[in-house]
């Protein structure tokens, strides 16, 4: 499990409780969210290991992550991903971008 997934799962239950969901619904949503987050992060991790940065594919994954994280209540991670997406197509920020992306895949 990635750190981002673990942190999100840790707080998602409380987020869903505030939405008035039952424990059964919460359990299902957290489990599915955990699987989806890990799947997207695994794809991102694979792309980061390639010799050339695949910006379009990375953007698609970041978009999916942003949606998952929003739905699970992790607003801090959403803000971080929004910042990464803002920098993604700026060539002058290549190193900073790689650091930020690799941080997500820890």
Protein backbone atom coordinates (compact mmCIF):
# COMPACT_ATOMS: atom_id res chain seq x y z
CA UNK A 1 0.00 0.00 0.00
CA UNK A 2 1.25 3.47 -0.86
CA UNK A 3 1.54 6.14 1.85
CA UNK A 4 -1.02 8.30 0.06
CA UNK A 5 -3.49 5.41 0.09
CA UNK A 6 -2.84 4.69 3.76
CA UNK A 7 -3.33 8.33 4.77
CA UNK A 8 -6.50 8.61 2.70
CA UNK A 9 -8.00 5.37 4.02
CA UNK A 10 -7.20 6.51 7.56
CA UNK A 11 -9.43 9.58 7.24
CA UNK A 12 -12.02 8.41 4.69
CA UNK A 13 -14.17 6.63 7.27
CA UNK A 14 -14.70 9.85 9.24
CA UNK A 15 -15.39 11.74 6.03
CA UNK A 16 -18.06 9.24 5.01
CA UNK A 17 -19.58 9.23 8.51
CA UNK A 18 -20.03 12.99 8.24
CA UNK A 19 -21.93 12.32 5.01
CA UNK A 20 -24.34 10.11 6.96
CA UNK A 21 -23.39 6.79 5.39
CA UNK A 22 -23.84 3.49 7.19
CA UNK A 23 -20.86 1.47 8.39
CA UNK A 24 -21.56 -1.12 5.72
CA UNK A 25 -21.47 1.54 3.01
CA UNK A 26 -18.34 3.08 4.50
CA UNK A 27 -16.55 -0.25 4.59
CA UNK A 28 -17.37 -0.91 0.94
CA UNK A 29 -16.40 2.59 -0.23
CA UNK A 30 -13.12 2.58 1.69
CA UNK A 31 -12.20 -0.86 0.37
CA UNK A 32 -12.98 0.07 -3.25
CA UNK A 33 -11.26 3.43 -2.88
CA UNK A 34 -8.15 1.77 -1.47
CA UNK A 35 -8.00 -0.65 -4.41
CA UNK A 36 -8.52 2.12 -6.97
CA UNK A 37 -5.95 4.44 -5.38
CA UNK A 38 -3.31 1.71 -5.29
CA UNK A 39 -4.08 0.78 -8.89
CA UNK A 40 -3.68 4.35 -10.14
CA UNK A 41 -0.53 4.91 -8.09
CA UNK A 42 0.92 1.67 -9.44
CA UNK A 43 0.30 2.92 -12.99
CA UNK A 44 1.91 6.25 -12.13
CA UNK A 45 4.89 4.53 -10.54
CA UNK A 46 5.35 2.47 -13.71
CA UNK A 47 5.26 5.55 -15.91
CA UNK A 48 7.85 7.29 -13.74
CA UNK A 49 10.25 4.40 -14.30
CA UNK A 50 10.22 4.92 -18.05
CA UNK A 51 13.06 6.84 -19.64
CA UNK A 52 10.82 9.58 -21.01
CA UNK A 53 8.12 11.39 -19.08
CA UNK A 54 4.71 10.53 -20.55
CA UNK A 55 2.93 13.76 -19.63
CA UNK A 56 -0.46 12.99 -21.20
CA UNK A 57 -0.71 9.60 -19.54
CA UNK A 58 0.44 11.04 -16.23
CA UNK A 59 -2.17 13.78 -16.49
CA UNK A 60 -4.89 11.17 -17.03
CA UNK A 61 -3.79 9.28 -13.92
CA UNK A 62 -3.56 12.47 -11.88
CA UNK A 63 -7.09 13.37 -12.97
CA UNK A 64 -8.33 9.97 -11.78
CA UNK A 65 -6.43 10.32 -8.49
CA UNK A 66 -7.88 13.77 -7.93
CA UNK A 67 -11.40 12.39 -8.31
CA UNK A 68 -10.77 9.44 -6.01
CA UNK A 69 -9.17 11.62 -3.36
CA UNK A 70 -11.97 14.16 -3.55
CA UNK A 71 -14.55 11.42 -3.11
CA UNK A 72 -12.63 10.09 -0.09
CA UNK A 73 -12.23 13.52 1.53
CA UNK A 74 -8.46 13.98 1.25
CA UNK A 75 -8.47 17.68 0.33
CA UNK A 76 -4.77 18.17 1.09
CA UNK A 77 -3.78 15.55 -1.47
CA UNK A 78 -6.22 17.05 -3.98
CA UNK A 79 -4.49 20.41 -3.60
CA UNK A 80 -1.08 18.75 -4.08
CA UNK A 81 -2.23 16.96 -7.24
CA UNK A 82 -3.77 20.16 -8.57
CA UNK A 83 -0.37 21.83 -8.16
CA UNK A 84 1.36 18.96 -9.96
CA UNK A 85 -1.11 19.12 -12.83
CA UNK A 86 -0.50 22.87 -13.07
CA UNK A 87 3.24 22.22 -13.47
CA UNK A 88 2.98 19.13 -15.64
CA UNK A 89 3.36 20.79 -19.03
CA UNK A 90 5.88 23.45 -17.96
CA UNK A 91 9.23 22.22 -19.21
CA UNK A 92 11.19 24.53 -16.88
CA UNK A 93 9.94 22.67 -13.81
CA UNK A 94 10.96 19.16 -14.85
CA UNK A 95 13.01 18.31 -11.72
CA UNK A 96 10.46 19.73 -9.28
CA UNK A 97 7.73 17.86 -11.10
CA UNK A 98 9.60 14.56 -10.86
CA UNK A 99 10.16 15.07 -7.12
CA UNK A 100 6.47 15.78 -6.60
CA UNK A 101 5.38 12.77 -8.65
CA UNK A 102 7.81 10.44 -6.93
CA UNK A 103 6.57 11.67 -3.57
CA UNK A 104 3.08 10.44 -4.50
CA UNK A 105 4.44 6.96 -5.21
CA UNK A 106 6.09 6.39 -1.83
